């Protein structure tokens, strides 16, 4: 089974147990005779994907209990196998979604960590610093690089903590493993979206 998650930055594949990503330039040249099940949040690639006869869009098949308007299919897929918990997908943006008894209660969106860094650099060249990923959130910083890191990581941490309310935390996405370390008993699963895709394929007997 070949699965494809087309995001805002790249296209990520799961080929049975093999996980790999392609840039959009590489993705434009990617060809296969196999059936490809995909989800897509990139509007620029919508027509490109629709014209590929062996690419099957899974979005119409998801049955997800939510009143949220405009919820992205990537967020739906990430939440689809979770009965109760908070799902954090930390990629180009950081999305946080709360699930209770398979019902989506709502969620919120933050810029991705790289976006924070780019924003600081635009404010001043003195703020163009690498983030300190070893920073402790328990003490006030004493230098600019750490102060920037603290402002970003502590802000993200507090918002997620406030949403958690003793629920289990599930992290995925490129920065998910890093953010998960700030929380006790957090679960990091880089394949969480693909698990949701597999579930909807099985429910609809598409394979």
N, C-alpha and C. Protein backbone atom coordinates (compact mmCIF):
# COMPACT_ATOMS: atom_id res chain seq x y z
N UNK A 1 0.85 -1.19 0.00
CA UNK A 1 0.00 0.00 0.00
C UNK A 1 0.89 1.25 0.00
N UNK A 2 0.61 2.16 -0.93
CA UNK A 2 1.39 3.39 -1.04
C UNK A 2 0.51 4.57 -0.64
N UNK A 3 0.93 5.24 0.43
CA UNK A 3 0.18 6.37 0.97
C UNK A 3 0.99 7.65 0.77
N UNK A 4 0.29 8.76 0.55
CA UNK A 4 0.97 10.04 0.32
C UNK A 4 0.24 11.17 1.04
N UNK A 5 0.97 11.90 1.83
CA UNK A 5 0.46 13.07 2.56
C UNK A 5 1.11 14.31 1.94
N UNK A 6 0.32 15.07 1.19
CA UNK A 6 0.84 16.27 0.52
C UNK A 6 0.57 17.48 1.40
N UNK A 7 1.64 18.07 1.90
CA UNK A 7 1.50 19.20 2.81
C UNK A 7 1.87 20.51 2.16
N UNK A 8 2.18 21.49 2.99
CA UNK A 8 2.54 22.82 2.48
C UNK A 8 4.01 22.92 2.14
N UNK A 9 4.83 21.98 2.62
CA UNK A 9 6.27 22.07 2.41
C UNK A 9 6.82 20.94 1.54
N UNK A 10 6.20 19.76 1.61
CA UNK A 10 6.68 18.62 0.82
C UNK A 10 5.60 17.55 0.74
N UNK A 11 5.93 16.47 0.06
CA UNK A 11 5.03 15.31 -0.03
C UNK A 11 5.71 14.15 0.70
N UNK A 12 5.01 13.57 1.66
CA UNK A 12 5.57 12.49 2.47
C UNK A 12 4.85 11.19 2.12
N UNK A 13 5.64 10.13 1.98
CA UNK A 13 5.09 8.83 1.57
C UNK A 13 5.32 7.78 2.65
N UNK A 14 4.40 6.83 2.68
CA UNK A 14 4.60 5.59 3.43
C UNK A 14 4.35 4.45 2.46
N UNK A 15 5.42 3.73 2.13
CA UNK A 15 5.35 2.60 1.22
C UNK A 15 5.50 1.33 2.05
N UNK A 16 4.34 0.77 2.46
CA UNK A 16 4.32 -0.31 3.44
C UNK A 16 4.99 0.18 4.72
N UNK A 17 6.26 -0.19 4.95
CA UNK A 17 6.93 0.27 6.17
C UNK A 17 8.04 1.27 5.88
N UNK A 18 8.19 1.67 4.62
CA UNK A 18 9.23 2.61 4.23
C UNK A 18 8.67 4.04 4.21
N UNK A 19 9.32 4.94 4.93
CA UNK A 19 8.88 6.32 5.10
C UNK A 19 9.87 7.24 4.39
N UNK A 20 9.36 8.11 3.49
CA UNK A 20 10.27 9.04 2.81
C UNK A 20 9.51 10.29 2.37
N UNK A 21 10.27 11.37 2.12
CA UNK A 21 9.68 12.64 1.71
C UNK A 21 10.30 13.11 0.40
N UNK A 22 9.50 13.84 -0.39
CA UNK A 22 9.97 14.43 -1.64
C UNK A 22 9.67 15.92 -1.63
N UNK A 23 10.60 16.71 -2.16
CA UNK A 23 10.32 18.13 -2.39
C UNK A 23 9.26 18.21 -3.49
N UNK A 24 8.63 19.36 -3.66
CA UNK A 24 7.61 19.47 -4.70
C UNK A 24 8.21 19.34 -6.10
N UNK A 25 9.46 19.74 -6.25
CA UNK A 25 10.15 19.54 -7.53
C UNK A 25 10.31 18.06 -7.82
N UNK A 26 10.73 17.30 -6.81
CA UNK A 26 10.86 15.85 -6.96
C UNK A 26 9.50 15.18 -7.14
N UNK A 27 8.52 15.68 -6.43
CA UNK A 27 7.17 15.11 -6.50
C UNK A 27 6.57 15.29 -7.90
N UNK A 28 6.87 16.41 -8.55
CA UNK A 28 6.35 16.67 -9.90
C UNK A 28 6.87 15.65 -10.90
N UNK A 29 8.04 15.05 -10.61
CA UNK A 29 8.64 14.07 -11.51
C UNK A 29 8.38 12.63 -11.06
N UNK A 30 7.70 12.48 -9.93
CA UNK A 30 7.45 11.14 -9.38
C UNK A 30 6.39 10.42 -10.21
N UNK A 31 6.71 9.20 -10.61
CA UNK A 31 5.75 8.38 -11.37
C UNK A 31 5.69 6.98 -10.78
N UNK A 32 4.54 6.38 -10.85
CA UNK A 32 4.35 5.00 -10.42
C UNK A 32 3.09 4.45 -11.08
N UNK A 33 3.10 3.17 -11.33
CA UNK A 33 1.91 2.50 -11.88
C UNK A 33 0.99 2.03 -10.77
N UNK A 34 1.49 2.10 -9.54
CA UNK A 34 0.72 1.61 -8.39
C UNK A 34 -0.39 2.60 -8.03
N UNK A 35 -1.36 2.09 -7.31
CA UNK A 35 -2.41 2.93 -6.76
C UNK A 35 -1.85 3.72 -5.59
N UNK A 36 -2.08 5.02 -5.58
CA UNK A 36 -1.57 5.88 -4.51
C UNK A 36 -2.76 6.53 -3.80
N UNK A 37 -2.89 6.27 -2.50
CA UNK A 37 -3.93 6.90 -1.68
C UNK A 37 -3.34 8.15 -1.05
N UNK A 38 -4.01 9.28 -1.24
CA UNK A 38 -3.39 10.52 -0.76
C UNK A 38 -4.38 11.44 -0.05
N UNK A 39 -3.82 12.33 0.74
CA UNK A 39 -4.54 13.50 1.24
C UNK A 39 -3.71 14.72 0.84
N UNK A 40 -4.37 15.87 0.68
CA UNK A 40 -3.67 17.04 0.18
C UNK A 40 -4.24 18.31 0.82
N UNK A 41 -3.35 19.17 1.33
CA UNK A 41 -3.77 20.47 1.86
C UNK A 41 -3.18 21.61 1.02
N UNK A 42 -2.49 21.26 -0.06
CA UNK A 42 -1.83 22.25 -0.90
C UNK A 42 -2.71 22.58 -2.10
N UNK A 43 -3.32 23.75 -2.06
CA UNK A 43 -4.26 24.14 -3.12
C UNK A 43 -3.59 24.19 -4.49
N UNK A 44 -2.31 24.53 -4.54
CA UNK A 44 -1.60 24.66 -5.82
C UNK A 44 -1.46 23.31 -6.53
N UNK A 45 -1.54 22.22 -5.77
CA UNK A 45 -1.36 20.89 -6.36
C UNK A 45 -2.67 20.14 -6.55
N UNK A 46 -3.78 20.79 -6.26
CA UNK A 46 -5.08 20.12 -6.31
C UNK A 46 -5.39 19.59 -7.71
N UNK A 47 -5.22 20.44 -8.72
CA UNK A 47 -5.50 20.02 -10.10
C UNK A 47 -4.50 18.98 -10.57
N UNK A 48 -3.22 19.19 -10.24
CA UNK A 48 -2.15 18.26 -10.61
C UNK A 48 -2.48 16.85 -10.13
N UNK A 49 -2.92 16.73 -8.89
CA UNK A 49 -3.23 15.42 -8.31
C UNK A 49 -4.50 14.82 -8.92
N UNK A 50 -5.49 15.66 -9.15
CA UNK A 50 -6.77 15.19 -9.70
C UNK A 50 -6.61 14.60 -11.10
N UNK A 51 -5.58 15.03 -11.81
CA UNK A 51 -5.35 14.55 -13.17
C UNK A 51 -4.59 13.23 -13.22
N UNK A 52 -4.17 12.73 -12.07
CA UNK A 52 -3.45 11.45 -12.02
C UNK A 52 -4.47 10.33 -11.75
N UNK A 53 -4.74 9.48 -12.72
CA UNK A 53 -5.81 8.48 -12.58
C UNK A 53 -5.56 7.43 -11.49
N UNK A 54 -4.30 7.17 -11.16
CA UNK A 54 -4.01 6.15 -10.14
C UNK A 54 -3.85 6.76 -8.75
N UNK A 55 -4.09 8.07 -8.62
CA UNK A 55 -4.04 8.74 -7.32
C UNK A 55 -5.47 8.88 -6.79
N UNK A 56 -5.71 8.33 -5.61
CA UNK A 56 -7.06 8.33 -5.04
C UNK A 56 -7.10 9.26 -3.83
N UNK A 57 -7.94 10.27 -3.93
CA UNK A 57 -8.08 11.27 -2.87
C UNK A 57 -8.96 10.70 -1.74
N UNK A 58 -8.38 10.60 -0.54
CA UNK A 58 -9.11 10.01 0.58
C UNK A 58 -10.03 10.99 1.31
N UNK A 59 -9.87 12.27 1.05
CA UNK A 59 -10.63 13.26 1.82
C UNK A 59 -12.13 13.01 1.84
N UNK A 60 -12.78 12.68 0.71
CA UNK A 60 -14.23 12.48 0.74
C UNK A 60 -14.69 11.30 1.59
N UNK A 61 -13.78 10.41 1.94
CA UNK A 61 -14.16 9.18 2.64
C UNK A 61 -14.11 9.31 4.17
N UNK A 62 -13.51 10.36 4.67
CA UNK A 62 -13.43 10.53 6.12
C UNK A 62 -14.79 10.92 6.68
N UNK A 63 -15.22 10.22 7.71
CA UNK A 63 -16.44 10.56 8.44
C UNK A 63 -16.00 10.97 9.85
N UNK A 64 -15.97 12.27 10.09
CA UNK A 64 -15.35 12.80 11.30
C UNK A 64 -16.33 13.70 12.01
N UNK A 65 -16.56 13.44 13.30
CA UNK A 65 -17.57 14.17 14.08
C UNK A 65 -16.98 15.48 14.60
N UNK A 66 -17.31 16.58 13.92
CA UNK A 66 -16.83 17.89 14.33
C UNK A 66 -17.77 18.97 13.80
N UNK A 67 -17.82 20.11 14.49
CA UNK A 67 -18.55 21.27 13.98
C UNK A 67 -17.58 22.36 13.52
N UNK A 68 -16.29 22.05 13.58
CA UNK A 68 -15.24 22.98 13.16
C UNK A 68 -15.36 23.22 11.65
N UNK A 69 -15.40 24.47 11.25
CA UNK A 69 -15.52 24.82 9.84
C UNK A 69 -14.13 24.94 9.22
N UNK A 70 -13.92 24.23 8.12
CA UNK A 70 -12.66 24.34 7.41
C UNK A 70 -11.52 23.53 7.98
N UNK A 71 -11.83 22.49 8.73
CA UNK A 71 -10.78 21.66 9.32
C UNK A 71 -10.03 20.91 8.22
N UNK A 72 -8.71 21.07 8.20
CA UNK A 72 -7.88 20.45 7.16
C UNK A 72 -7.90 18.93 7.25
N UNK A 73 -7.80 18.29 6.09
CA UNK A 73 -7.85 16.82 6.05
C UNK A 73 -6.64 16.22 6.76
N UNK A 74 -5.53 16.95 6.81
CA UNK A 74 -4.37 16.44 7.54
C UNK A 74 -4.65 16.38 9.03
N UNK A 75 -5.36 17.37 9.56
CA UNK A 75 -5.74 17.35 10.97
C UNK A 75 -6.76 16.25 11.25
N UNK A 76 -7.70 16.07 10.33
CA UNK A 76 -8.68 14.99 10.48
C UNK A 76 -7.98 13.64 10.52
N UNK A 77 -7.05 13.42 9.59
CA UNK A 77 -6.34 12.14 9.54
C UNK A 77 -5.52 11.90 10.81
N UNK A 78 -4.88 12.95 11.32
CA UNK A 78 -4.07 12.81 12.53
C UNK A 78 -4.93 12.43 13.74
N UNK A 79 -6.16 12.90 13.76
CA UNK A 79 -7.06 12.64 14.89
C UNK A 79 -7.88 11.37 14.73
N UNK A 80 -7.88 10.78 13.55
CA UNK A 80 -8.88 9.78 13.18
C UNK A 80 -8.79 8.50 13.99
N UNK A 81 -7.62 8.17 14.50
CA UNK A 81 -7.49 6.93 15.28
C UNK A 81 -7.49 7.19 16.79
N UNK A 82 -7.68 8.44 17.19
CA UNK A 82 -7.61 8.81 18.61
C UNK A 82 -9.02 8.86 19.21
N UNK A 83 -9.23 8.09 20.26
CA UNK A 83 -10.53 8.11 20.94
C UNK A 83 -10.64 9.26 21.90
N UNK A 84 -9.57 9.52 22.64
CA UNK A 84 -9.58 10.57 23.65
C UNK A 84 -8.16 11.11 23.81
N UNK A 85 -7.98 12.40 23.61
CA UNK A 85 -6.64 12.97 23.77
C UNK A 85 -6.49 14.28 23.03
N UNK A 86 -5.28 14.81 23.08
CA UNK A 86 -4.93 16.05 22.37
C UNK A 86 -3.87 15.70 21.33
N UNK A 87 -4.13 16.08 20.08
CA UNK A 87 -3.24 15.76 18.97
C UNK A 87 -2.51 17.02 18.54
N UNK A 88 -1.18 16.95 18.54
CA UNK A 88 -0.34 18.09 18.15
C UNK A 88 0.45 17.69 16.91
N UNK A 89 0.21 18.37 15.81
CA UNK A 89 0.96 18.14 14.57
C UNK A 89 1.87 19.34 14.37
N UNK A 90 3.17 19.14 14.61
CA UNK A 90 4.13 20.25 14.59
C UNK A 90 4.95 20.22 13.32
N UNK A 91 4.46 20.93 12.31
CA UNK A 91 5.16 21.02 11.04
C UNK A 91 5.34 22.47 10.64
N UNK A 92 4.98 22.82 9.40
CA UNK A 92 5.05 24.21 8.95
C UNK A 92 4.22 25.11 9.84
N UNK A 93 3.11 24.59 10.29
CA UNK A 93 2.31 25.21 11.35
C UNK A 93 2.15 24.16 12.45
N UNK A 94 1.79 24.62 13.64
CA UNK A 94 1.54 23.71 14.75
C UNK A 94 0.04 23.70 15.00
N UNK A 95 -0.59 22.56 14.77
CA UNK A 95 -2.02 22.44 15.01
C UNK A 95 -2.26 21.62 16.27
N UNK A 96 -3.24 22.04 17.04
CA UNK A 96 -3.58 21.37 18.30
C UNK A 96 -5.08 21.08 18.28
N UNK A 97 -5.45 19.80 18.41
CA UNK A 97 -6.85 19.40 18.33
C UNK A 97 -7.22 18.52 19.53
N UNK A 98 -8.39 18.76 20.07
CA UNK A 98 -8.85 18.06 21.26
C UNK A 98 -9.95 17.08 20.88
N UNK A 99 -9.76 15.81 21.28
CA UNK A 99 -10.70 14.73 20.94
C UNK A 99 -11.25 14.11 22.22
N UNK A 100 -12.56 13.88 22.26
CA UNK A 100 -13.18 13.20 23.38
C UNK A 100 -14.22 12.21 22.84
N UNK A 101 -14.03 10.92 23.14
CA UNK A 101 -14.94 9.88 22.67
C UNK A 101 -15.11 9.95 21.15
N UNK A 102 -14.00 10.12 20.44
CA UNK A 102 -13.95 10.22 18.97
C UNK A 102 -14.66 11.47 18.43
N UNK A 103 -15.01 12.41 19.30
CA UNK A 103 -15.63 13.66 18.87
C UNK A 103 -14.60 14.78 18.94
N UNK A 104 -14.50 15.56 17.88
CA UNK A 104 -13.55 16.67 17.82
C UNK A 104 -14.18 17.88 18.52
N UNK A 105 -13.56 18.33 19.61
CA UNK A 105 -14.11 19.42 20.40
C UNK A 105 -13.64 20.80 19.92
N UNK A 106 -12.64 20.81 19.04
CA UNK A 106 -12.09 22.07 18.55
C UNK A 106 -10.58 22.05 18.63
N UNK A 107 -9.98 23.15 18.24
CA UNK A 107 -8.53 23.22 18.27
C UNK A 107 -8.03 24.58 17.88
N UNK A 108 -6.72 24.72 17.78
CA UNK A 108 -6.13 26.01 17.41
C UNK A 108 -4.84 25.79 16.63
N UNK A 109 -4.36 26.88 16.04
CA UNK A 109 -3.19 26.81 15.15
C UNK A 109 -2.17 27.86 15.57
N UNK A 110 -0.90 27.43 15.59
CA UNK A 110 0.23 28.32 15.87
C UNK A 110 1.19 28.28 14.69
N UNK A 111 2.03 29.29 14.54
CA UNK A 111 3.09 29.18 13.53
C UNK A 111 4.03 28.03 13.89
N UNK A 112 4.66 27.45 12.88
CA UNK A 112 5.69 26.46 13.14
C UNK A 112 6.93 27.12 13.73
N UNK A 113 7.80 26.32 14.33
CA UNK A 113 9.00 26.87 14.99
C UNK A 113 9.86 27.65 14.00
N UNK A 114 10.01 27.16 12.78
CA UNK A 114 10.81 27.88 11.77
C UNK A 114 10.19 29.23 11.45
N UNK A 115 8.87 29.33 11.44
CA UNK A 115 8.20 30.60 11.17
C UNK A 115 8.49 31.62 12.26
N UNK A 116 8.53 31.18 13.51
CA UNK A 116 8.91 32.09 14.60
C UNK A 116 10.31 32.63 14.37
N UNK A 117 11.22 31.76 14.00
CA UNK A 117 12.61 32.16 13.79
C UNK A 117 12.71 33.20 12.67
N UNK A 118 12.00 32.99 11.58
CA UNK A 118 12.02 33.92 10.45
C UNK A 118 11.42 35.27 10.84
N UNK A 119 10.39 35.24 11.67
CA UNK A 119 9.75 36.48 12.11
C UNK A 119 10.71 37.31 12.95
N UNK A 120 11.41 36.69 13.88
CA UNK A 120 12.40 37.41 14.69
C UNK A 120 13.46 38.05 13.81
N UNK A 121 13.95 37.32 12.82
CA UNK A 121 15.01 37.83 11.94
C UNK A 121 14.55 39.05 11.16
N UNK A 122 13.24 39.11 10.82
CA UNK A 122 12.70 40.26 10.10
C UNK A 122 12.60 41.48 10.99
N UNK A 123 12.44 41.28 12.27
CA UNK A 123 12.34 42.40 13.20
C UNK A 123 13.68 43.12 13.34
N UNK A 124 14.76 42.32 13.49
CA UNK A 124 16.09 42.90 13.65
C UNK A 124 17.14 41.84 13.38
N UNK A 125 18.26 42.26 12.79
CA UNK A 125 19.36 41.32 12.56
C UNK A 125 19.91 40.79 13.87
N UNK A 126 19.76 41.55 14.95
CA UNK A 126 20.23 41.10 16.27
C UNK A 126 19.38 39.96 16.82
N UNK A 127 18.20 39.79 16.23
CA UNK A 127 17.31 38.70 16.67
C UNK A 127 17.39 37.49 15.74
N UNK A 128 18.32 37.55 14.80
CA UNK A 128 18.51 36.42 13.89
C UNK A 128 19.44 35.40 14.55
N UNK A 129 18.87 34.63 15.47
CA UNK A 129 19.66 33.69 16.29
C UNK A 129 19.12 32.27 16.13
N UNK A 130 20.02 31.31 16.30
CA UNK A 130 19.58 29.92 16.36
C UNK A 130 18.90 29.67 17.70
N UNK A 131 17.82 28.89 17.66
CA UNK A 131 17.13 28.55 18.90
C UNK A 131 17.94 27.51 19.69
N UNK A 132 17.87 27.63 20.99
CA UNK A 132 18.55 26.69 21.89
C UNK A 132 17.57 25.57 22.24
N UNK A 133 17.73 24.42 21.62
CA UNK A 133 16.80 23.31 21.84
C UNK A 133 17.06 22.57 23.14
N UNK A 134 18.15 22.94 23.85
CA UNK A 134 18.45 22.32 25.14
C UNK A 134 18.00 23.21 26.30
N UNK A 135 17.30 24.26 25.98
CA UNK A 135 16.90 25.26 26.97
C UNK A 135 15.96 24.69 28.03
N UNK A 136 16.19 25.08 29.27
CA UNK A 136 15.25 24.75 30.35
C UNK A 136 14.17 25.82 30.41
N UNK A 137 12.92 25.40 30.59
CA UNK A 137 11.82 26.36 30.70
C UNK A 137 11.56 26.77 32.14
N UNK A 138 12.44 26.34 33.05
CA UNK A 138 12.23 26.61 34.47
C UNK A 138 13.01 27.81 34.99
N UNK A 139 13.82 28.46 34.14
CA UNK A 139 14.62 29.61 34.58
C UNK A 139 14.61 30.68 33.50
N UNK A 140 14.60 31.95 33.93
CA UNK A 140 14.60 33.04 32.96
C UNK A 140 15.94 33.11 32.22
N UNK A 141 15.90 33.30 30.91
CA UNK A 141 17.13 33.35 30.11
C UNK A 141 18.00 34.57 30.44
N UNK A 142 19.29 34.43 30.12
CA UNK A 142 20.24 35.51 30.41
C UNK A 142 21.00 35.94 29.15
N UNK A 143 20.53 35.53 27.97
CA UNK A 143 21.11 36.00 26.71
C UNK A 143 20.03 35.97 25.64
N UNK A 144 20.26 36.73 24.57
CA UNK A 144 19.21 36.96 23.58
C UNK A 144 18.74 35.68 22.91
N UNK A 145 19.67 34.83 22.46
CA UNK A 145 19.27 33.59 21.80
C UNK A 145 18.38 32.74 22.67
N UNK A 146 18.72 32.65 23.95
CA UNK A 146 17.90 31.88 24.88
C UNK A 146 16.57 32.55 25.15
N UNK A 147 16.57 33.90 25.16
CA UNK A 147 15.33 34.64 25.40
C UNK A 147 14.33 34.40 24.27
N UNK A 148 14.83 34.37 23.04
CA UNK A 148 13.97 34.09 21.90
C UNK A 148 13.42 32.66 21.99
N UNK A 149 14.30 31.74 22.29
CA UNK A 149 13.92 30.33 22.40
C UNK A 149 12.87 30.14 23.49
N UNK A 150 13.10 30.77 24.62
CA UNK A 150 12.18 30.67 25.76
C UNK A 150 10.80 31.22 25.38
N UNK A 151 10.78 32.37 24.72
CA UNK A 151 9.51 32.98 24.34
C UNK A 151 8.69 32.08 23.44
N UNK A 152 9.37 31.41 22.51
CA UNK A 152 8.67 30.51 21.59
C UNK A 152 8.26 29.21 22.27
N UNK A 153 9.22 28.53 22.88
CA UNK A 153 8.95 27.19 23.44
C UNK A 153 8.02 27.25 24.64
N UNK A 154 8.21 28.25 25.50
CA UNK A 154 7.36 28.35 26.69
C UNK A 154 5.93 28.71 26.29
N UNK A 155 5.80 29.59 25.28
CA UNK A 155 4.46 29.95 24.81
C UNK A 155 3.73 28.75 24.23
N UNK A 156 4.42 27.99 23.39
CA UNK A 156 3.81 26.78 22.81
C UNK A 156 3.45 25.79 23.91
N UNK A 157 4.39 25.59 24.84
CA UNK A 157 4.19 24.64 25.94
C UNK A 157 2.94 24.98 26.75
N UNK A 158 2.81 26.25 27.13
CA UNK A 158 1.70 26.65 28.00
C UNK A 158 0.35 26.50 27.29
N UNK A 159 0.30 26.85 26.01
CA UNK A 159 -0.96 26.71 25.27
C UNK A 159 -1.37 25.24 25.16
N UNK A 160 -0.41 24.37 24.86
CA UNK A 160 -0.73 22.94 24.77
C UNK A 160 -1.11 22.39 26.14
N UNK A 161 -0.37 22.77 27.16
CA UNK A 161 -0.67 22.30 28.52
C UNK A 161 -2.08 22.70 28.93
N UNK A 162 -2.47 23.93 28.61
CA UNK A 162 -3.80 24.41 28.98
C UNK A 162 -4.89 23.62 28.27
N UNK A 163 -4.62 23.18 27.04
CA UNK A 163 -5.61 22.41 26.28
C UNK A 163 -5.70 20.96 26.74
N UNK A 164 -4.62 20.48 27.37
CA UNK A 164 -4.52 19.05 27.67
C UNK A 164 -5.49 18.60 28.75
N UNK A 165 -5.50 19.28 29.90
CA UNK A 165 -6.42 18.98 30.99
C UNK A 165 -6.46 17.48 31.31
N UNK A 166 -5.31 16.90 31.55
CA UNK A 166 -5.13 15.50 31.94
C UNK A 166 -5.42 14.49 30.83
N UNK A 167 -5.62 14.96 29.62
CA UNK A 167 -5.78 14.03 28.51
C UNK A 167 -4.41 13.54 28.03
N UNK A 168 -4.39 12.45 27.29
CA UNK A 168 -3.16 11.97 26.68
C UNK A 168 -2.76 12.92 25.56
N UNK A 169 -1.46 13.06 25.38
CA UNK A 169 -0.92 13.94 24.35
C UNK A 169 -0.27 13.11 23.25
N UNK A 170 -0.67 13.37 22.00
CA UNK A 170 -0.10 12.67 20.86
C UNK A 170 0.58 13.69 19.94
N UNK A 171 1.86 13.50 19.70
CA UNK A 171 2.61 14.42 18.85
C UNK A 171 2.99 13.74 17.55
N UNK A 172 2.98 14.52 16.46
CA UNK A 172 3.49 14.07 15.18
C UNK A 172 4.07 15.28 14.47
N UNK A 173 4.58 15.08 13.24
CA UNK A 173 5.18 16.19 12.50
C UNK A 173 6.67 16.34 12.76
N UNK A 174 7.32 17.14 11.92
CA UNK A 174 8.76 17.28 11.96
C UNK A 174 9.34 17.74 13.27
N UNK A 175 8.62 18.63 13.99
CA UNK A 175 9.09 19.12 15.29
C UNK A 175 8.36 18.46 16.45
N UNK A 176 7.54 17.46 16.14
CA UNK A 176 6.75 16.80 17.17
C UNK A 176 7.58 16.12 18.23
N UNK A 177 8.63 15.42 17.81
CA UNK A 177 9.47 14.70 18.76
C UNK A 177 10.16 15.66 19.72
N UNK A 178 10.61 16.81 19.19
CA UNK A 178 11.25 17.82 20.04
C UNK A 178 10.26 18.38 21.06
N UNK A 179 9.06 18.78 20.63
CA UNK A 179 8.09 19.37 21.55
C UNK A 179 7.58 18.36 22.57
N UNK A 180 7.52 17.10 22.19
CA UNK A 180 7.01 16.07 23.10
C UNK A 180 7.87 15.94 24.35
N UNK A 181 9.15 16.28 24.26
CA UNK A 181 10.04 16.09 25.41
C UNK A 181 9.73 17.06 26.56
N UNK A 182 8.93 18.09 26.30
CA UNK A 182 8.56 19.02 27.36
C UNK A 182 7.41 18.49 28.22
N UNK A 183 6.83 17.36 27.82
CA UNK A 183 5.65 16.85 28.51
C UNK A 183 5.88 15.42 29.00
N UNK A 184 5.46 15.17 30.21
CA UNK A 184 5.54 13.82 30.77
C UNK A 184 4.53 12.92 30.06
N UNK A 185 4.97 11.72 29.72
CA UNK A 185 4.12 10.69 29.13
C UNK A 185 3.50 11.08 27.79
N UNK A 186 4.12 12.01 27.08
CA UNK A 186 3.65 12.34 25.74
C UNK A 186 4.03 11.21 24.79
N UNK A 187 3.21 10.99 23.78
CA UNK A 187 3.44 9.95 22.79
C UNK A 187 3.81 10.61 21.47
N UNK A 188 4.96 10.25 20.91
CA UNK A 188 5.34 10.75 19.59
C UNK A 188 5.16 9.64 18.57
N UNK A 189 4.43 9.94 17.51
CA UNK A 189 4.15 8.95 16.46
C UNK A 189 4.24 9.66 15.11
N UNK A 190 5.36 9.48 14.41
CA UNK A 190 5.54 10.17 13.13
C UNK A 190 4.59 9.63 12.06
N UNK A 191 3.98 8.47 12.30
CA UNK A 191 3.08 7.86 11.32
C UNK A 191 1.61 8.08 11.66
N UNK A 192 1.31 8.98 12.57
CA UNK A 192 -0.06 9.14 13.06
C UNK A 192 -1.04 9.47 11.93
N UNK A 193 -0.66 10.37 11.04
CA UNK A 193 -1.54 10.72 9.91
C UNK A 193 -1.76 9.51 9.01
N UNK A 194 -0.70 8.76 8.78
CA UNK A 194 -0.83 7.57 7.92
C UNK A 194 -1.71 6.51 8.57
N UNK A 195 -1.70 6.42 9.89
CA UNK A 195 -2.59 5.47 10.57
C UNK A 195 -4.06 5.86 10.32
N UNK A 196 -4.33 7.15 10.35
CA UNK A 196 -5.68 7.61 10.04
C UNK A 196 -6.08 7.29 8.61
N UNK A 197 -5.13 7.45 7.69
CA UNK A 197 -5.40 7.14 6.29
C UNK A 197 -5.67 5.64 6.12
N UNK A 198 -4.88 4.81 6.79
CA UNK A 198 -5.10 3.36 6.70
C UNK A 198 -6.47 2.98 7.25
N UNK A 199 -6.88 3.62 8.32
CA UNK A 199 -8.17 3.31 8.93
C UNK A 199 -9.32 3.62 7.97
N UNK A 200 -9.25 4.78 7.30
CA UNK A 200 -10.34 5.14 6.39
C UNK A 200 -10.34 4.25 5.15
N UNK A 201 -9.17 3.78 4.73
CA UNK A 201 -9.08 2.84 3.61
C UNK A 201 -9.75 1.51 3.99
N UNK A 202 -9.49 1.04 5.22
CA UNK A 202 -10.08 -0.22 5.67
C UNK A 202 -11.59 -0.08 5.85
N UNK A 203 -12.05 1.05 6.40
CA UNK A 203 -13.48 1.28 6.62
C UNK A 203 -14.26 1.25 5.31
N UNK A 204 -13.64 1.80 4.26
CA UNK A 204 -14.32 1.92 2.98
C UNK A 204 -13.92 0.84 1.97
N UNK A 205 -13.10 -0.11 2.45
CA UNK A 205 -12.65 -1.22 1.59
C UNK A 205 -12.13 -0.73 0.23
N UNK A 206 -11.21 0.23 0.32
CA UNK A 206 -10.69 0.87 -0.90
C UNK A 206 -9.49 0.15 -1.49
N UNK A 207 -8.83 -0.68 -0.70
CA UNK A 207 -7.59 -1.31 -1.18
C UNK A 207 -7.88 -2.58 -1.97
